[in-house]
Amino acid sequence: MAEPKVLDVRALIPAARHQKIFETYDNLGVGESFVLVNDHDPKPLYYQFDYEHKGAFSWRYLEQGPEVWRVEIGRTKSSPAGA
């Protein structure tokens, strides 16, 4: 099984981070995942995923600060059309 892709958004301006994260998620196949690397707890991002992709994603903290957060985000099933 291949290692998940790593998406390090720390160098991106904050306004561009969510767009890049959701583009990466949208390109996943069912059962695939990526590791998000961030400079703060991405808890608000979790709530956005839960709203837009409820039941179709997984979220697992691999590292929780204080300087780096790493979260494995996966696609567990296809999201509803338009989500």
N, C-alpha and C. Protein backbone atom coordinates (compact mmCIF):
# COMPACT_ATOMS: atom_id res chain seq x y z
N MET A 1 0.85 -1.18 0.00
CA MET A 1 0.00 0.00 0.00
C MET A 1 0.89 1.24 0.00
N ALA A 2 0.60 2.19 -0.84
CA ALA A 2 1.41 3.39 -0.99
C ALA A 2 1.20 4.33 0.19
N GLU A 3 2.25 5.07 0.51
CA GLU A 3 2.15 6.09 1.55
C GLU A 3 1.27 7.23 1.03
N PRO A 4 0.46 7.84 1.91
CA PRO A 4 -0.36 8.96 1.47
C PRO A 4 0.50 10.16 1.06
N LYS A 5 -0.01 10.93 0.13
CA LYS A 5 0.64 12.16 -0.30
C LYS A 5 0.69 13.12 0.89
N VAL A 6 1.73 13.94 0.97
CA VAL A 6 1.86 14.95 2.02
C VAL A 6 1.59 16.32 1.41
N LEU A 7 0.69 17.06 2.04
CA LEU A 7 0.38 18.42 1.62
C LEU A 7 0.76 19.36 2.76
N ASP A 8 1.87 20.06 2.61
CA ASP A 8 2.35 21.00 3.61
C ASP A 8 1.90 22.40 3.21
N VAL A 9 0.96 22.96 3.96
CA VAL A 9 0.40 24.27 3.61
C VAL A 9 1.03 25.42 4.39
N ARG A 10 2.04 25.14 5.17
CA ARG A 10 2.62 26.19 6.02
C ARG A 10 3.19 27.35 5.22
N ALA A 11 3.66 27.12 4.01
CA ALA A 11 4.25 28.21 3.22
C ALA A 11 3.20 29.00 2.43
N LEU A 12 1.97 28.50 2.39
CA LEU A 12 0.91 29.20 1.66
C LEU A 12 0.31 30.31 2.51
N ILE A 13 -0.16 31.35 1.86
CA ILE A 13 -0.86 32.39 2.61
C ILE A 13 -2.16 31.77 3.14
N PRO A 14 -2.59 32.18 4.33
CA PRO A 14 -3.78 31.56 4.93
C PRO A 14 -5.00 31.54 4.01
N ALA A 15 -5.20 32.58 3.23
CA ALA A 15 -6.38 32.65 2.36
C ALA A 15 -6.39 31.56 1.29
N ALA A 16 -5.23 31.01 0.95
CA ALA A 16 -5.14 30.00 -0.11
C ALA A 16 -5.15 28.57 0.42
N ARG A 17 -5.02 28.41 1.71
CA ARG A 17 -4.86 27.07 2.27
C ARG A 17 -6.08 26.17 2.08
N HIS A 18 -7.26 26.64 2.45
CA HIS A 18 -8.45 25.77 2.36
C HIS A 18 -8.72 25.36 0.91
N GLN A 19 -8.53 26.29 -0.02
CA GLN A 19 -8.76 25.95 -1.43
C GLN A 19 -7.83 24.81 -1.85
N LYS A 20 -6.57 24.89 -1.51
CA LYS A 20 -5.61 23.86 -1.88
C LYS A 20 -5.94 22.53 -1.20
N ILE A 21 -6.35 22.60 0.05
CA ILE A 21 -6.70 21.38 0.79
C ILE A 21 -7.90 20.70 0.15
N PHE A 22 -8.93 21.46 -0.19
CA PHE A 22 -10.12 20.86 -0.78
C PHE A 22 -9.86 20.38 -2.21
N GLU A 23 -9.00 21.05 -2.95
CA GLU A 23 -8.61 20.55 -4.28
C GLU A 23 -7.92 19.20 -4.14
N THR A 24 -7.05 19.07 -3.15
CA THR A 24 -6.35 17.81 -2.92
C THR A 24 -7.35 16.72 -2.55
N TYR A 25 -8.27 17.02 -1.66
CA TYR A 25 -9.30 16.05 -1.27
C TYR A 25 -10.15 15.64 -2.48
N ASP A 26 -10.55 16.62 -3.28
CA ASP A 26 -11.41 16.34 -4.43
C ASP A 26 -10.75 15.41 -5.44
N ASN A 27 -9.42 15.40 -5.46
CA ASN A 27 -8.69 14.54 -6.39
C ASN A 27 -8.41 13.14 -5.84
N LEU A 28 -8.85 12.88 -4.62
CA LEU A 28 -8.66 11.54 -4.05
C LEU A 28 -9.69 10.57 -4.58
N GLY A 29 -9.29 9.33 -4.74
CA GLY A 29 -10.24 8.26 -4.99
C GLY A 29 -10.74 7.73 -3.66
N VAL A 30 -11.84 7.01 -3.70
CA VAL A 30 -12.37 6.40 -2.48
C VAL A 30 -11.30 5.46 -1.91
N GLY A 31 -11.04 5.59 -0.63
CA GLY A 31 -10.03 4.78 0.03
C GLY A 31 -8.65 5.41 0.07
N GLU A 32 -8.47 6.54 -0.62
CA GLU A 32 -7.18 7.24 -0.62
C GLU A 32 -7.18 8.33 0.44
N SER A 33 -5.97 8.78 0.80
CA SER A 33 -5.85 9.83 1.80
C SER A 33 -4.61 10.67 1.52
N PHE A 34 -4.51 11.78 2.24
CA PHE A 34 -3.31 12.59 2.21
C PHE A 34 -3.04 13.07 3.63
N VAL A 35 -1.81 13.48 3.88
CA VAL A 35 -1.43 14.00 5.19
C VAL A 35 -1.28 15.51 5.08
N LEU A 36 -2.09 16.22 5.82
CA LEU A 36 -2.03 17.67 5.89
C LEU A 36 -1.01 18.07 6.96
N VAL A 37 -0.09 18.96 6.61
CA VAL A 37 0.87 19.51 7.57
C VAL A 37 0.55 20.99 7.72
N ASN A 38 0.32 21.42 8.96
CA ASN A 38 -0.11 22.78 9.21
C ASN A 38 0.62 23.34 10.43
N ASP A 39 0.57 24.67 10.59
CA ASP A 39 1.24 25.32 11.71
C ASP A 39 0.31 25.63 12.87
N HIS A 40 -0.94 25.17 12.79
CA HIS A 40 -1.90 25.32 13.88
C HIS A 40 -2.92 24.20 13.78
N ASP A 41 -3.68 24.01 14.84
CA ASP A 41 -4.71 22.98 14.84
C ASP A 41 -5.77 23.33 13.80
N PRO A 42 -5.98 22.46 12.81
CA PRO A 42 -6.94 22.76 11.75
C PRO A 42 -8.38 22.39 12.11
N LYS A 43 -8.75 22.53 13.36
CA LYS A 43 -10.09 22.17 13.82
C LYS A 43 -11.21 22.85 13.01
N PRO A 44 -11.10 24.17 12.67
CA PRO A 44 -12.15 24.76 11.83
C PRO A 44 -12.29 24.05 10.47
N LEU A 45 -11.17 23.57 9.94
CA LEU A 45 -11.21 22.82 8.69
C LEU A 45 -12.01 21.54 8.85
N TYR A 46 -11.88 20.88 9.99
CA TYR A 46 -12.65 19.67 10.26
C TYR A 46 -14.15 19.97 10.16
N TYR A 47 -14.57 21.07 10.78
CA TYR A 47 -15.99 21.43 10.74
C TYR A 47 -16.45 21.74 9.32
N GLN A 48 -15.58 22.34 8.52
CA GLN A 48 -15.94 22.59 7.12
C GLN A 48 -16.08 21.27 6.37
N PHE A 49 -15.15 20.33 6.58
CA PHE A 49 -15.28 19.02 5.96
C PHE A 49 -16.57 18.34 6.40
N ASP A 50 -16.88 18.42 7.69
CA ASP A 50 -18.08 17.77 8.21
C ASP A 50 -19.34 18.36 7.59
N TYR A 51 -19.33 19.64 7.31
CA TYR A 51 -20.47 20.30 6.68
C TYR A 51 -20.59 19.93 5.20
N GLU A 52 -19.46 19.98 4.48
CA GLU A 52 -19.49 19.80 3.03
C GLU A 52 -19.39 18.34 2.58
N HIS A 53 -18.81 17.47 3.42
CA HIS A 53 -18.56 16.08 3.01
C HIS A 53 -18.95 15.10 4.12
N LYS A 54 -19.99 15.41 4.84
CA LYS A 54 -20.43 14.60 5.98
C LYS A 54 -20.53 13.12 5.60
N GLY A 55 -19.85 12.30 6.38
CA GLY A 55 -19.90 10.86 6.17
C GLY A 55 -19.03 10.35 5.03
N ALA A 56 -18.31 11.24 4.34
CA ALA A 56 -17.52 10.83 3.18
C ALA A 56 -16.02 11.06 3.38
N PHE A 57 -15.61 11.40 4.62
CA PHE A 57 -14.19 11.66 4.86
C PHE A 57 -13.78 11.05 6.20
N SER A 58 -12.47 10.84 6.33
CA SER A 58 -11.90 10.42 7.61
C SER A 58 -10.92 11.49 8.05
N TRP A 59 -10.67 11.57 9.33
CA TRP A 59 -9.82 12.60 9.92
C TRP A 59 -9.08 11.96 11.08
N ARG A 60 -7.75 11.90 10.99
CA ARG A 60 -6.97 11.26 12.05
C ARG A 60 -5.73 12.09 12.33
N TYR A 61 -5.64 12.60 13.55
CA TYR A 61 -4.46 13.35 13.95
C TYR A 61 -3.27 12.40 14.05
N LEU A 62 -2.15 12.79 13.45
CA LEU A 62 -0.90 12.05 13.55
C LEU A 62 0.07 12.78 14.47
N GLU A 63 -0.05 14.10 14.54
CA GLU A 63 0.79 14.94 15.39
C GLU A 63 -0.03 16.17 15.76
N GLN A 64 0.00 16.55 17.05
CA GLN A 64 -0.82 17.66 17.51
C GLN A 64 0.01 18.71 18.22
N GLY A 65 0.85 19.42 17.46
CA GLY A 65 1.58 20.57 17.94
C GLY A 65 2.65 20.25 18.96
N PRO A 66 3.21 21.27 19.54
CA PRO A 66 2.72 22.65 19.52
C PRO A 66 3.14 23.47 18.30
N GLU A 67 4.11 22.99 17.51
CA GLU A 67 4.55 23.76 16.35
C GLU A 67 4.03 23.22 15.03
N VAL A 68 3.80 21.93 14.96
CA VAL A 68 3.37 21.28 13.72
C VAL A 68 2.19 20.36 14.03
N TRP A 69 1.19 20.43 13.18
CA TRP A 69 0.05 19.51 13.24
C TRP A 69 0.06 18.71 11.95
N ARG A 70 -0.13 17.42 12.08
CA ARG A 70 -0.24 16.54 10.91
C ARG A 70 -1.53 15.75 11.06
N VAL A 71 -2.37 15.81 10.01
CA VAL A 71 -3.66 15.14 10.03
C VAL A 71 -3.79 14.33 8.75
N GLU A 72 -4.14 13.06 8.90
CA GLU A 72 -4.43 12.25 7.72
C GLU A 72 -5.91 12.42 7.40
N ILE A 73 -6.18 12.88 6.19
CA ILE A 73 -7.55 13.12 5.71
C ILE A 73 -7.80 12.17 4.56
N GLY A 74 -8.87 11.41 4.64
CA GLY A 74 -9.16 10.43 3.59
C GLY A 74 -10.56 10.57 3.05
N ARG A 75 -10.75 9.98 1.88
CA ARG A 75 -12.08 9.92 1.25
C ARG A 75 -12.60 8.51 1.50
N THR A 76 -13.70 8.42 2.25
CA THR A 76 -14.26 7.12 2.59
C THR A 76 -15.35 6.67 1.63
N LYS A 77 -15.95 7.63 0.95
CA LYS A 77 -16.93 7.34 -0.10
C LYS A 77 -17.11 8.57 -0.95
N SER A 78 -17.79 8.43 -2.06
CA SER A 78 -18.02 9.58 -2.93
C SER A 78 -18.91 10.58 -2.22
N SER A 79 -18.58 11.85 -2.33
CA SER A 79 -19.41 12.90 -1.78
C SER A 79 -20.63 13.10 -2.67
N PRO A 80 -21.73 13.53 -2.09
CA PRO A 80 -22.91 13.80 -2.92
C PRO A 80 -22.60 14.83 -4.01
N ALA A 81 -23.28 14.74 -5.13
CA ALA A 81 -23.08 15.69 -6.22
C ALA A 81 -23.32 17.10 -5.72
N GLY A 82 -22.45 18.01 -6.13
CA GLY A 82 -22.58 19.40 -5.74
C GLY A 82 -21.97 19.72 -4.40
N ALA A 83 -21.44 18.72 -3.72
CA ALA A 83 -20.84 18.98 -2.39
C ALA A 83 -19.39 19.35 -2.55
